[in-house]
Amino acid sequence: MALFARTAPAPAPVLVPAPETWTPEGTLVSQRYRALEGAIVLVYTADTERGTAYYAAACLGCTYRADQNTGPNPMSEAEAAKAANAHATVCRTMPRGVPARPEDPEAVELVRSRLRRHRYSTSPHPVHLADFNALRVDLQRSTHWIKTLLEFLVQAEPGFLTAAPTSDGQGIRIMVQPFGRP
């Protein structure tokens, strides 16, 4: 036995939120469903600045994400709940826990890739915050962060995104420009 024996200090516990209570940054979770093997399926909204909120569903066990109905239009809470429940009844994934928050460069690339899919049309495509609802679980960023990034991209890449005042003059409309635009 050593005369002056020291014990190593116990490591501080790492507080990891449980998937059952976790809310991604920038969202308001309204419902949670448990899939067959325990994964959590969230029903959430991020569109808090409008009179009508649009909802999405996301599974924390697999890659399931849904933000549009068969229309394809943004989903209401009832439609998102129906989609989440339908997914939960067939999903056999184990709970993976809370997804890691991506670093800023990875988060920027998630937004850019979401916008790039609209460049294949023949006319400019308007960007709406609801376009990012399905991405919010993976993105884990606030609405303010997304707006700031869009404004930066308008300045940095005018051939990709452009901005113009809205018809009522109360804000700006951001448009994804198609490929081949002069």
Foldseek 3Di string as FASTA:
>chain_A
DDPDDDDDDDDDDDDADFQVPDDFAQKDWDDWDAAPQGWIKTWIFNPPPDPATFIKIATQFDGDIDQADPVRDGHHSVRRVVVSVVCRDPDDGHHPGQDDADDVVVLLVVVVVLQVVQQADPAWAWDDPSSCRRVRSHNRYHPVVVVVSLVVCCVVPVQAKHWDADPVRPGIIIIGHHPPDD
